[in-house]
Amino acid sequence: MIIDWAYFRKGCISCQKAQLALEKIPHTIMTEVNARKERVMDEQTWELLTTSEKLLIASGSKIREYSPEPDQKEGILKIVLGRSGTLRAPTLKIGKTFYIGYNKEMYDKLAG
């Protein structure tokens, strides 16, 4: 599996779980961003998300699916931005899909 873009925060429990799940499958990360050093803020987040066709967002035990349509911008940003106003970590972009947050079921599906 080729991961086009990965956004992890050092010390983040969800990021650690995501990285452990990824270790179980062969993968290559093309670009990895340290969320502590490079903060992706609201407008930058939206620009990034609009490069995709589908967003899968982990919210607790649920996985929400969206398309980054302009009329859904505010609602989507409310879900994908953390308390600090930056993109939630972990976030992966694989092909035309963003995987935001960590959910065991979502990462199990990635593993096939």
PDB file of N, CA and C in Angstrom:
ATOM      1  N   MET A   1       0.839  -1.165   0.000  1.00  0.00           N
ATOM      2  CA  MET A   1       0.000   0.000   0.000  1.00  0.00           C
ATOM      3  C   MET A   1       0.892   1.238   0.000  1.00  0.00           C
ATOM      4  N   ILE A   2       0.498   2.202  -0.815  1.00  0.00           N
ATOM      5  CA  ILE A   2       1.218   3.468  -0.847  1.00  0.00           C
ATOM      6  C   ILE A   2       0.367   4.518  -0.148  1.00  0.00           C
ATOM      7  N   ILE A   3       0.937   5.124   0.882  1.00  0.00           N
ATOM      8  CA  ILE A   3       0.283   6.204   1.614  1.00  0.00           C
ATOM      9  C   ILE A   3       0.894   7.490   1.086  1.00  0.00           C
ATOM     10  N   ASP A   4       0.058   8.288   0.427  1.00  0.00           N
ATOM     11  CA  ASP A   4       0.561   9.507  -0.192  1.00  0.00           C
ATOM     12  C   ASP A   4       1.000  10.549   0.834  1.00  0.00           C
ATOM     13  N   TRP A   5       0.244  10.650   1.928  1.00  0.00           N
ATOM     14  CA  TRP A   5       0.509  11.687   2.918  1.00  0.00           C
ATOM     15  C   TRP A   5       0.087  11.171   4.280  1.00  0.00           C
ATOM     16  N   ALA A   6       0.949  11.314   5.277  1.00  0.00           N
ATOM     17  CA  ALA A   6       0.636  10.870   6.642  1.00  0.00           C
ATOM     18  C   ALA A   6       0.943  11.996   7.611  1.00  0.00           C
ATOM     19  N   TYR A   7       0.040  12.189   8.563  1.00  0.00           N
ATOM     20  CA  TYR A   7       0.136  13.266   9.544  1.00  0.00           C
ATOM     21  C   TYR A   7       0.023  12.651  10.931  1.00  0.00           C
ATOM     22  N   PHE A   8       1.140  12.596  11.651  1.00  0.00           N
ATOM     23  CA  PHE A   8       1.184  11.983  12.976  1.00  0.00           C
ATOM     24  C   PHE A   8       1.701  12.986  14.000  1.00  0.00           C
ATOM     25  N   ARG A   9       1.259  12.829  15.244  1.00  0.00           N
ATOM     26  CA  ARG A   9       1.715  13.666  16.346  1.00  0.00           C
ATOM     27  C   ARG A   9       2.455  12.767  17.332  1.00  0.00           C
ATOM     28  N   LYS A  10       3.714  13.095  17.587  1.00  0.00           N
ATOM     29  CA  LYS A  10       4.519  12.310  18.509  1.00  0.00           C
ATOM     30  C   LYS A  10       3.878  12.343  19.898  1.00  0.00           C
ATOM     31  N   GLY A  11       3.779  11.178  20.517  1.00  0.00           N
ATOM     32  CA  GLY A  11       3.198  11.086  21.846  1.00  0.00           C
ATOM     33  C   GLY A  11       1.691  10.895  21.849  1.00  0.00           C
ATOM     34  N   CYS A  12       1.073  10.969  20.689  1.00  0.00           N
ATOM     35  CA  CYS A  12      -0.381  10.809  20.566  1.00  0.00           C
ATOM     36  C   CYS A  12      -0.712   9.314  20.598  1.00  0.00           C
ATOM     37  N   ILE A  13      -1.591   8.925  21.502  1.00  0.00           N
ATOM     38  CA  ILE A  13      -1.956   7.507  21.641  1.00  0.00           C
ATOM     39  C   ILE A  13      -2.615   6.987  20.365  1.00  0.00           C
ATOM     40  N   SER A  14      -3.526   7.763  19.793  1.00  0.00           N
ATOM     41  CA  SER A  14      -4.200   7.331  18.560  1.00  0.00           C
ATOM     42  C   SER A  14      -3.200   7.168  17.422  1.00  0.00           C
ATOM     43  N   CYS A  15      -2.233   8.070  17.356  1.00  0.00           N
ATOM     44  CA  CYS A  15      -1.203   7.966  16.311  1.00  0.00           C
ATOM     45  C   CYS A  15      -0.364   6.709  16.508  1.00  0.00           C
ATOM     46  N   GLN A  16      -0.054   6.390  17.753  1.00  0.00           N
ATOM     47  CA  GLN A  16       0.718   5.179  18.042  1.00  0.00           C
ATOM     48  C   GLN A  16      -0.065   3.929  17.637  1.00  0.00           C
ATOM     49  N   LYS A  17      -1.372   3.915  17.929  1.00  0.00           N
ATOM     50  CA  LYS A  17      -2.207   2.773  17.538  1.00  0.00           C
ATOM     51  C   LYS A  17      -2.262   2.650  16.016  1.00  0.00           C
ATOM     52  N   ALA A  18      -2.383   3.787  15.341  1.00  0.00           N
ATOM     53  CA  ALA A  18      -2.429   3.776  13.878  1.00  0.00           C
ATOM     54  C   ALA A  18      -1.119   3.243  13.306  1.00  0.00           C
ATOM     55  N   GLN A  19      -0.004   3.687  13.845  1.00  0.00           N
ATOM     56  CA  GLN A  19       1.293   3.241  13.348  1.00  0.00           C
ATOM     57  C   GLN A  19       1.504   1.745  13.606  1.00  0.00           C
ATOM     58  N   LEU A  20       1.048   1.251  14.754  1.00  0.00           N
ATOM     59  CA  LEU A  20       1.134  -0.193  15.034  1.00  0.00           C
ATOM     60  C   LEU A  20       0.286  -0.988  14.049  1.00  0.00           C
ATOM     61  N   ALA A  21      -0.902  -0.487  13.738  1.00  0.00           N
ATOM     62  CA  ALA A  21      -1.769  -1.164  12.768  1.00  0.00           C
ATOM     63  C   ALA A  21      -1.119  -1.181  11.386  1.00  0.00           C
ATOM     64  N   LEU A  22      -0.466  -0.090  11.015  1.00  0.00           N
ATOM     65  CA  LEU A  22       0.188  -0.015   9.701  1.00  0.00           C
ATOM     66  C   LEU A  22       1.393  -0.944   9.601  1.00  0.00           C
ATOM     67  N   GLU A  23       2.039  -1.213  10.741  1.00  0.00           N
ATOM     68  CA  GLU A  23       3.203  -2.107  10.733  1.00  0.00           C
ATOM     69  C   GLU A  23       2.837  -3.522  10.296  1.00  0.00           C
ATOM     70  N   LYS A  24       1.569  -3.867  10.408  1.00  0.00           N
ATOM     71  CA  LYS A  24       1.115  -5.219  10.065  1.00  0.00           C
ATOM     72  C   LYS A  24       0.963  -5.435   8.570  1.00  0.00           C
ATOM     73  N   ILE A  25       1.016  -4.365   7.796  1.00  0.00           N
ATOM     74  CA  ILE A  25       0.842  -4.482   6.352  1.00  0.00           C
ATOM     75  C   ILE A  25       2.004  -3.793   5.638  1.00  0.00           C
ATOM     76  N   PRO A  26       2.413  -4.330   4.487  1.00  0.00           N
ATOM     77  CA  PRO A  26       3.478  -3.662   3.738  1.00  0.00           C
ATOM     78  C   PRO A  26       2.969  -2.306   3.243  1.00  0.00           C
ATOM     79  N   HIS A  27       3.729  -1.262   3.521  1.00  0.00           N
ATOM     80  CA  HIS A  27       3.318   0.071   3.090  1.00  0.00           C
ATOM     81  C   HIS A  27       4.532   0.967   2.899  1.00  0.00           C
ATOM     82  N   THR A  28       4.320   2.005   2.126  1.00  0.00           N
ATOM     83  CA  THR A  28       5.327   3.043   1.920  1.00  0.00           C
ATOM     84  C   THR A  28       4.641   4.377   2.126  1.00  0.00           C
ATOM     85  N   ILE A  29       5.249   5.225   2.958  1.00  0.00           N
ATOM     86  CA  ILE A  29       4.722   6.568   3.175  1.00  0.00           C
ATOM     87  C   ILE A  29       5.547   7.521   2.324  1.00  0.00           C
ATOM     88  N   MET A  30       4.871   8.167   1.375  1.00  0.00           N
ATOM     89  CA  MET A  30       5.560   9.093   0.472  1.00  0.00           C
ATOM     90  C   MET A  30       5.958  10.386   1.185  1.00  0.00           C
ATOM     91  N   THR A  31       5.042  10.964   1.953  1.00  0.00           N
ATOM     92  CA  THR A  31       5.322  12.187   2.708  1.00  0.00           C
ATOM     93  C   THR A  31       4.762  12.020   4.108  1.00  0.00           C
ATOM     94  N   GLU A  32       5.615  12.162   5.111  1.00  0.00           N
ATOM     95  CA  GLU A  32       5.167  12.092   6.500  1.00  0.00           C
ATOM     96  C   GLU A  32       5.392  13.445   7.154  1.00  0.00           C
ATOM     97  N   VAL A  33       4.350  13.946   7.811  1.00  0.00           N
ATOM     98  CA  VAL A  33       4.398  15.265   8.436  1.00  0.00           C
ATOM     99  C   VAL A  33       4.267  15.100   9.945  1.00  0.00           C
ATOM    100  N   ASN A  34       5.151  15.763  10.679  1.00  0.00           N
ATOM    101  CA  ASN A  34       5.108  15.775  12.133  1.00  0.00           C
ATOM    102  C   ASN A  34       4.131  16.871  12.556  1.00  0.00           C
ATOM    103  N   ALA A  35       3.019  16.486  13.147  1.00  0.00           N
ATOM    104  CA  ALA A  35       1.963  17.436  13.501  1.00  0.00           C
ATOM    105  C   ALA A  35       2.399  18.440  14.563  1.00  0.00           C
ATOM    106  N   ARG A  36       3.409  18.131  15.329  1.00  0.00           N
ATOM    107  CA  ARG A  36       3.903  19.087  16.329  1.00  0.00           C
ATOM    108  C   ARG A  36       4.727  20.199  15.679  1.00  0.00           C
ATOM    109  N   LYS A  37       5.409  19.866  14.606  1.00  0.00           N
ATOM    110  CA  LYS A  37       6.278  20.852  13.953  1.00  0.00           C
ATOM    111  C   LYS A  37       5.580  21.612  12.839  1.00  0.00           C
ATOM    112  N   GLU A  38       4.668  20.948  12.144  1.00  0.00           N
ATOM    113  CA  GLU A  38       3.973  21.576  11.015  1.00  0.00           C
ATOM    114  C   GLU A  38       2.472  21.488  11.253  1.00  0.00           C
ATOM    115  N   ARG A  39       1.915  22.561  11.763  1.00  0.00           N
ATOM    116  CA  ARG A  39       0.482  22.585  12.083  1.00  0.00           C
ATOM    117  C   ARG A  39      -0.327  22.883  10.826  1.00  0.00           C
ATOM    118  N   VAL A  40      -1.346  22.084  10.595  1.00  0.00           N
ATOM    119  CA  VAL A  40      -2.239  22.297   9.466  1.00  0.00           C
ATOM    120  C   VAL A  40      -3.510  22.938  10.032  1.00  0.00           C
ATOM    121  N   MET A  41      -3.678  24.234   9.767  1.00  0.00           N
ATOM    122  CA  MET A  41      -4.784  25.014  10.320  1.00  0.00           C
ATOM    123  C   MET A  41      -6.027  24.887   9.434  1.00  0.00           C
ATOM    124  N   ASP A  42      -7.125  25.559   9.824  1.00  0.00           N
ATOM    125  CA  ASP A  42      -8.432  25.372   9.193  1.00  0.00           C
ATOM    126  C   ASP A  42      -8.468  25.566   7.676  1.00  0.00           C
ATOM    127  N   GLU A  43      -8.046  26.700   7.153  1.00  0.00           N
ATOM    128  CA  GLU A  43      -8.118  26.910   5.694  1.00  0.00           C
ATOM    129  C   GLU A  43      -7.179  25.975   4.952  1.00  0.00           C
ATOM    130  N   GLN A  44      -6.012  25.764   5.512  1.00  0.00           N
ATOM    131  CA  GLN A  44      -5.050  24.837   4.906  1.00  0.00           C
ATOM    132  C   GLN A  44      -5.620  23.410   4.929  1.00  0.00           C
ATOM    133  N   THR A  45      -6.309  23.074   6.013  1.00  0.00           N
ATOM    134  CA  THR A  45      -6.955  21.762   6.117  1.00  0.00           C
ATOM    135  C   THR A  45      -7.982  21.600   5.011  1.00  0.00           C
ATOM    136  N   TRP A  46      -8.825  22.615   4.825  1.00  0.00           N
ATOM    137  CA  TRP A  46      -9.870  22.519   3.805  1.00  0.00           C
ATOM    138  C   TRP A  46      -9.259  22.369   2.416  1.00  0.00           C
ATOM    139  N   GLU A  47      -8.215  23.148   2.115  1.00  0.00           N
ATOM    140  CA  GLU A  47      -7.550  23.043   0.806  1.00  0.00           C
ATOM    141  C   GLU A  47      -7.016  21.628   0.603  1.00  0.00           C
ATOM    142  N   LEU A  48      -6.453  21.061   1.636  1.00  0.00           N
ATOM    143  CA  LEU A  48      -5.914  19.703   1.570  1.00  0.00           C
ATOM    144  C   LEU A  48      -7.033  18.690   1.329  1.00  0.00           C
ATOM    145  N   LEU A  49      -8.125  18.814   2.072  1.00  0.00           N
ATOM    146  CA  LEU A  49      -9.229  17.858   1.955  1.00  0.00           C
ATOM    147  C   LEU A  49      -9.898  17.907   0.585  1.00  0.00           C
ATOM    148  N   THR A  50      -9.921  19.061  -0.047  1.00  0.00           N
ATOM    149  CA  THR A  50     -10.570  19.172  -1.358  1.00  0.00           C
ATOM    150  C   THR A  50      -9.761  18.519  -2.475  1.00  0.00           C
ATOM    151  N   THR A  51      -8.586  18.005  -2.159  1.00  0.00           N
ATOM    152  CA  THR A  51      -7.806  17.252  -3.150  1.00  0.00           C
ATOM    153  C   THR A  51      -8.253  15.794  -3.197  1.00  0.00           C
ATOM    154  N   SER A  52      -9.271  15.467  -2.390  1.00  0.00           N
ATOM    155  CA  SER A  52      -9.751  14.085  -2.332  1.00  0.00           C
ATOM    156  C   SER A  52     -11.197  13.999  -2.795  1.00  0.00           C
ATOM    157  N   GLU A  53     -11.662  12.777  -2.937  1.00  0.00           N
ATOM    158  CA  GLU A  53     -13.058  12.524  -3.295  1.00  0.00           C
ATOM    159  C   GLU A  53     -13.863  12.042  -2.096  1.00  0.00           C
ATOM    160  N   LYS A  54     -13.156  11.423  -1.123  1.00  0.00           N
ATOM    161  CA  LYS A  54     -13.863  10.822   0.011  1.00  0.00           C
ATOM    162  C   LYS A  54     -13.082  11.074   1.291  1.00  0.00           C
ATOM    163  N   LEU A  55     -13.838  11.320   2.373  1.00  0.00           N
ATOM    164  CA  LEU A  55     -13.264  11.481   3.704  1.00  0.00           C
ATOM    165  C   LEU A  55     -13.875  10.420   4.605  1.00  0.00           C
ATOM    166  N   LEU A  56     -13.048   9.629   5.260  1.00  0.00           N
ATOM    167  CA  LEU A  56     -13.511   8.686   6.272  1.00  0.00           C
ATOM    168  C   LEU A  56     -12.986   9.213   7.598  1.00  0.00           C
ATOM    169  N   ILE A  57     -13.921   9.565   8.484  1.00  0.00           N
ATOM    170  CA  ILE A  57     -13.557  10.232   9.728  1.00  0.00           C
ATOM    171  C   ILE A  57     -13.979   9.371  10.907  1.00  0.00           C
ATOM    172  N   ALA A  58     -12.991   8.985  11.717  1.00  0.00           N
ATOM    173  CA  ALA A  58     -13.273   8.188  12.908  1.00  0.00           C
ATOM    174  C   ALA A  58     -13.765   9.110  14.009  1.00  0.00           C
ATOM    175  N   SER A  59     -14.913   8.761  14.568  1.00  0.00           N
ATOM    176  CA  SER A  59     -15.495   9.481  15.700  1.00  0.00           C
ATOM    177  C   SER A  59     -15.890   8.438  16.732  1.00  0.00           C
ATOM    178  N   GLY A  60     -14.978   8.158  17.653  1.00  0.00           N
ATOM    179  CA  GLY A  60     -15.232   7.087  18.622  1.00  0.00           C
ATOM    180  C   GLY A  60     -15.329   5.765  17.896  1.00  0.00           C
ATOM    181  N   SER A  61     -16.430   5.061  18.086  1.00  0.00           N
ATOM    182  CA  SER A  61     -16.593   3.762  17.434  1.00  0.00           C
ATOM    183  C   SER A  61     -17.263   3.886  16.067  1.00  0.00           C
ATOM    184  N   LYS A  62     -17.612   5.105  15.668  1.00  0.00           N
ATOM    185  CA  LYS A  62     -18.275   5.319  14.378  1.00  0.00           C
ATOM    186  C   LYS A  62     -17.276   5.791  13.331  1.00  0.00           C
ATOM    187  N   ILE A  63     -17.614   5.478  12.078  1.00  0.00           N
ATOM    188  CA  ILE A  63     -16.840   5.982  10.951  1.00  0.00           C
ATOM    189  C   ILE A  63     -17.814   6.768  10.090  1.00  0.00           C
ATOM    190  N   ARG A  64     -17.545   8.054   9.941  1.00  0.00           N
ATOM    191  CA  ARG A  64     -18.403   8.913   9.122  1.00  0.00           C
ATOM    192  C   ARG A  64     -17.755   9.080   7.751  1.00  0.00           C
ATOM    193  N   GLU A  65     -18.586   9.095   6.729  1.00  0.00           N
ATOM    194  CA  GLU A  65     -18.083   9.262   5.366  1.00  0.00           C
ATOM    195  C   GLU A  65     -18.660  10.538   4.767  1.00  0.00           C
ATOM    196  N   TYR A  66     -17.786  11.330   4.162  1.00  0.00           N
ATOM    197  CA  TYR A  66     -18.184  12.588   3.542  1.00  0.00           C
ATOM    198  C   TYR A  66     -17.469  12.748   2.206  1.00  0.00           C
ATOM    199  N   SER A  67     -18.009  13.637   1.392  1.00  0.00           N
ATOM    200  CA  SER A  67     -17.309  14.156   0.213  1.00  0.00           C
ATOM    201  C   SER A  67     -17.031  15.615   0.536  1.00  0.00           C
ATOM    202  N   PRO A  68     -15.856  16.116   0.212  1.00  0.00           N
ATOM    203  CA  PRO A  68     -15.529  17.498   0.575  1.00  0.00           C
ATOM    204  C   PRO A  68     -16.235  18.521  -0.328  1.00  0.00           C
ATOM    205  N   GLU A  69     -17.540  18.669  -0.141  1.00  0.00           N
ATOM    206  CA  GLU A  69     -18.338  19.605  -0.924  1.00  0.00           C
ATOM    207  C   GLU A  69     -18.352  20.959  -0.218  1.00  0.00           C
ATOM    208  N   PRO A  70     -18.287  22.066  -0.978  1.00  0.00           N
ATOM    209  CA  PRO A  70     -18.250  23.401  -0.360  1.00  0.00           C
ATOM    210  C   PRO A  70     -19.389  23.671   0.623  1.00  0.00           C
ATOM    211  N   ASP A  71     -20.575  23.154   0.371  1.00  0.00           N
ATOM    212  CA  ASP A  71     -21.702  23.406   1.274  1.00  0.00           C
ATOM    213  C   ASP A  71     -21.574  22.634   2.593  1.00  0.00           C
ATOM    214  N   GLN A  72     -20.625  21.709   2.686  1.00  0.00           N
ATOM    215  CA  GLN A  72     -20.405  20.946   3.916  1.00  0.00           C
ATOM    216  C   GLN A  72     -19.143  21.376   4.655  1.00  0.00           C
ATOM    217  N   LYS A  73     -18.498  22.416   4.152  1.00  0.00           N
ATOM    218  CA  LYS A  73     -17.198  22.844   4.693  1.00  0.00           C
ATOM    219  C   LYS A  73     -17.226  23.054   6.205  1.00  0.00           C
ATOM    220  N   GLU A  74     -18.137  23.859   6.700  1.00  0.00           N
ATOM    221  CA  GLU A  74     -18.175  24.168   8.131  1.00  0.00           C
ATOM    222  C   GLU A  74     -18.379  22.920   8.980  1.00  0.00           C
ATOM    223  N   GLY A  75     -19.315  22.065   8.583  1.00  0.00           N
ATOM    224  CA  GLY A  75     -19.589  20.842   9.328  1.00  0.00           C
ATOM    225  C   GLY A  75     -18.410  19.891   9.340  1.00  0.00           C
ATOM    226  N   ILE A  76     -17.773  19.753   8.201  1.00  0.00           N
ATOM    227  CA  ILE A  76     -16.608  18.861   8.115  1.00  0.00           C
ATOM    228  C   ILE A  76     -15.463  19.404   8.957  1.00  0.00           C
ATOM    229  N   LEU A  77     -15.182  20.702   8.842  1.00  0.00           N
ATOM    230  CA  LEU A  77     -14.089  21.277   9.622  1.00  0.00           C
ATOM    231  C   LEU A  77     -14.333  21.141  11.119  1.00  0.00           C
ATOM    232  N   LYS A  78     -15.571  21.225  11.562  1.00  0.00           N
ATOM    233  CA  LYS A  78     -15.890  21.046  12.983  1.00  0.00           C
ATOM    234  C   LYS A  78     -15.461  19.667  13.466  1.00  0.00           C
ATOM    235  N   ILE A  79     -15.590  18.686  12.598  1.00  0.00           N
ATOM    236  CA  ILE A  79     -15.273  17.303  12.958  1.00  0.00           C
ATOM    237  C   ILE A  79     -13.776  17.011  12.847  1.00  0.00           C
ATOM    238  N   VAL A  80     -13.104  17.565  11.830  1.00  0.00           N
ATOM    239  CA  VAL A  80     -11.706  17.185  11.572  1.00  0.00           C
ATOM    240  C   VAL A  80     -10.683  18.067  12.275  1.00  0.00           C
ATOM    241  N   LEU A  81     -11.113  19.195  12.818  1.00  0.00           N
ATOM    242  CA  LEU A  81     -10.175  20.050  13.548  1.00  0.00           C
ATOM    243  C   LEU A  81     -10.255  19.742  15.035  1.00  0.00           C
ATOM    244  N   GLY A  82      -9.116  19.669  15.664  1.00  0.00           N
ATOM    245  CA  GLY A  82      -9.072  19.407  17.101  1.00  0.00           C
ATOM    246  C   GLY A  82      -9.313  20.683  17.895  1.00  0.00           C
ATOM    247  N   ARG A  83      -9.185  20.577  19.213  1.00  0.00           N
ATOM    248  CA  ARG A  83      -9.406  21.724  20.102  1.00  0.00           C
ATOM    249  C   ARG A  83      -8.463  22.885  19.811  1.00  0.00           C
ATOM    250  N   SER A  84      -7.287  22.588  19.317  1.00  0.00           N
ATOM    251  CA  SER A  84      -6.298  23.628  19.038  1.00  0.00           C
ATOM    252  C   SER A  84      -6.527  24.298  17.684  1.00  0.00           C
ATOM    253  N   GLY A  85      -7.522  23.819  16.929  1.00  0.00           N
ATOM    254  CA  GLY A  85      -7.808  24.405  15.621  1.00  0.00           C
ATOM    255  C   GLY A  85      -6.970  23.840  14.494  1.00  0.00           C
ATOM    256  N   THR A  86      -6.280  22.723  14.770  1.00  0.00           N
ATOM    257  CA  THR A  86      -5.462  22.079  13.744  1.00  0.00           C
ATOM    258  C   THR A  86      -6.079  20.743  13.354  1.00  0.00           C
ATOM    259  N   LEU A  87      -5.654  20.253  12.203  1.00  0.00           N
ATOM    260  CA  LEU A  87      -6.123  18.957  11.715  1.00  0.00           C
ATOM    261  C   LEU A  87      -5.832  17.876  12.745  1.00  0.00           C
ATOM    262  N   ARG A  88      -6.820  17.010  12.959  1.00  0.00           N
ATOM    263  CA  ARG A  88      -6.640  15.897  13.891  1.00  0.00           C
ATOM    264  C   ARG A  88      -5.609  14.917  13.352  1.00  0.00           C
ATOM    265  N   ALA A  89      -4.866  14.358  14.268  1.00  0.00           N
ATOM    266  CA  ALA A  89      -3.916  13.315  13.921  1.00  0.00           C
ATOM    267  C   ALA A  89      -4.388  12.038  14.597  1.00  0.00           C
ATOM    268  N   PRO A  90      -4.196  10.899  13.991  1.00  0.00           N
ATOM    269  CA  PRO A  90      -3.531  10.660  12.714  1.00  0.00           C
ATOM    270  C   PRO A  90      -4.451  10.942  11.529  1.00  0.00           C
ATOM    271  N   THR A  91      -3.835  11.337  10.434  1.00  0.00           N
ATOM    272  CA  THR A  91      -4.537  11.503   9.169  1.00  0.00           C
ATOM    273  C   THR A  91      -3.681  10.872   8.080  1.00  0.00           C
ATOM    274  N   LEU A  92      -4.321  10.099   7.226  1.00  0.00           N
ATOM    275  CA  LEU A  92      -3.639   9.485   6.082  1.00  0.00           C
ATOM    276  C   LEU A  92      -4.374   9.871   4.812  1.00  0.00           C
ATOM    277  N   LYS A  93      -3.627  10.045   3.734  1.00  0.00           N
ATOM    278  CA  LYS A  93      -4.242  10.180   2.415  1.00  0.00           C
ATOM    279  C   LYS A  93      -3.727   9.023   1.579  1.00  0.00           C
ATOM    280  N   ILE A  94      -4.660   8.205   1.137  1.00  0.00           N
ATOM    281  CA  ILE A  94      -4.332   7.060   0.292  1.00  0.00           C
ATOM    282  C   ILE A  94      -5.178   7.203  -0.959  1.00  0.00           C
ATOM    283  N   GLY A  95      -4.520   7.438  -2.075  1.00  0.00           N
ATOM    284  CA  GLY A  95      -5.257   7.669  -3.317  1.00  0.00           C
ATOM    285  C   GLY A  95      -6.110   8.914  -3.186  1.00  0.00           C
ATOM    286  N   LYS A  96      -7.403   8.782  -3.431  1.00  0.00           N
ATOM    287  CA  LYS A  96      -8.326   9.923  -3.374  1.00  0.00           C
ATOM    288  C   LYS A  96      -9.142   9.935  -2.079  1.00  0.00           C
ATOM    289  N   THR A  97      -8.641   9.229  -1.039  1.00  0.00           N
ATOM    290  CA  THR A  97      -9.374   9.128   0.222  1.00  0.00           C
ATOM    291  C   THR A  97      -8.507   9.580   1.392  1.00  0.00           C
ATOM    292  N   PHE A  98      -9.101  10.373   2.283  1.00  0.00           N
ATOM    293  CA  PHE A  98      -8.466  10.742   3.545  1.00  0.00           C
ATOM    294  C   PHE A  98      -9.062   9.889   4.652  1.00  0.00           C
ATOM    295  N   TYR A  99      -8.204   9.397   5.540  1.00  0.00           N
ATOM    296  CA  TYR A  99      -8.592   8.659   6.736  1.00  0.00           C
ATOM    297  C   TYR A  99      -8.179   9.534   7.909  1.00  0.00           C
ATOM    298  N   ILE A 100      -9.165  10.045   8.649  1.00  0.00           N
ATOM    299  CA  ILE A 100      -8.887  11.013   9.704  1.00  0.00           C
ATOM    300  C   ILE A 100      -9.274  10.424  11.051  1.00  0.00           C
ATOM    301  N   GLY A 101      -8.333  10.473  11.996  1.00  0.00           N
ATOM    302  CA  GLY A 101      -8.563   9.885  13.300  1.00  0.00           C
ATOM    303  C   GLY A 101      -8.219   8.415  13.297  1.00  0.00           C
ATOM    304  N   TYR A 102      -8.359   7.792  14.448  1.00  0.00           N
ATOM    305  CA  TYR A 102      -8.077   6.363  14.545  1.00  0.00           C
ATOM    306  C   TYR A 102      -9.315   5.626  15.011  1.00  0.00           C
ATOM    307  N   ASN A 103      -9.581   4.518  14.348  1.00  0.00           N
ATOM    308  CA  ASN A 103     -10.651   3.606  14.703  1.00  0.00           C
ATOM    309  C   ASN A 103     -10.163   2.227  14.268  1.00  0.00           C
ATOM    310  N   LYS A 104     -10.171   1.265  15.165  1.00  0.00           N
ATOM    311  CA  LYS A 104      -9.638  -0.069  14.854  1.00  0.00           C
ATOM    312  C   LYS A 104     -10.287  -0.660  13.608  1.00  0.00           C
ATOM    313  N   GLU A 105     -11.594  -0.543  13.501  1.00  0.00           N
ATOM    314  CA  GLU A 105     -12.313  -1.087  12.354  1.00  0.00           C
ATOM    315  C   GLU A 105     -11.830  -0.454  11.036  1.00  0.00           C
ATOM    316  N   MET A 106     -11.616   0.863  11.062  1.00  0.00           N
ATOM    317  CA  MET A 106     -11.179   1.570   9.865  1.00  0.00           C
ATOM    318  C   MET A 106      -9.784   1.086   9.436  1.00  0.00           C
ATOM    319  N   TYR A 107      -8.886   0.909  10.394  1.00  0.00           N
ATOM    320  CA  TYR A 107      -7.545   0.471  10.064  1.00  0.00           C
ATOM    321  C   TYR A 107      -7.514  -1.019   9.708  1.00  0.00           C
ATOM    322  N   ASP A 108      -8.410  -1.807  10.287  1.00  0.00           N
ATOM    323  CA  ASP A 108      -8.507  -3.221   9.900  1.00  0.00           C
ATOM    324  C   ASP A 108      -8.925  -3.331   8.430  1.00  0.00           C
ATOM    325  N   LYS A 109      -9.843  -2.465   8.000  1.00  0.00           N
ATOM    326  CA  LYS A 109     -10.273  -2.468   6.592  1.00  0.00           C
ATOM    327  C   LYS A 109      -9.109  -2.067   5.683  1.00  0.00           C
ATOM    328  N   LEU A 110      -8.287  -1.132   6.130  1.00  0.00           N
ATOM    329  CA  LEU A 110      -7.102  -0.750   5.346  1.00  0.00           C
ATOM    330  C   LEU A 110      -6.190  -1.958   5.140  1.00  0.00           C
ATOM    331  N   ALA A 111      -6.045  -2.740   6.185  1.00  0.00           N
ATOM    332  CA  ALA A 111      -5.162  -3.909   6.132  1.00  0.00           C
ATOM    333  C   ALA A 111      -5.723  -5.005   5.229  1.00  0.00           C
ATOM    334  N   GLY A 112      -7.027  -4.923   4.957  1.00  0.00           N
ATOM    335  CA  GLY A 112      -7.648  -5.902   4.068  1.00  0.00           C
ATOM    336  C   GLY A 112      -8.042  -7.097   4.823  1.00  0.00           C
TER     337      GLY A 112
END
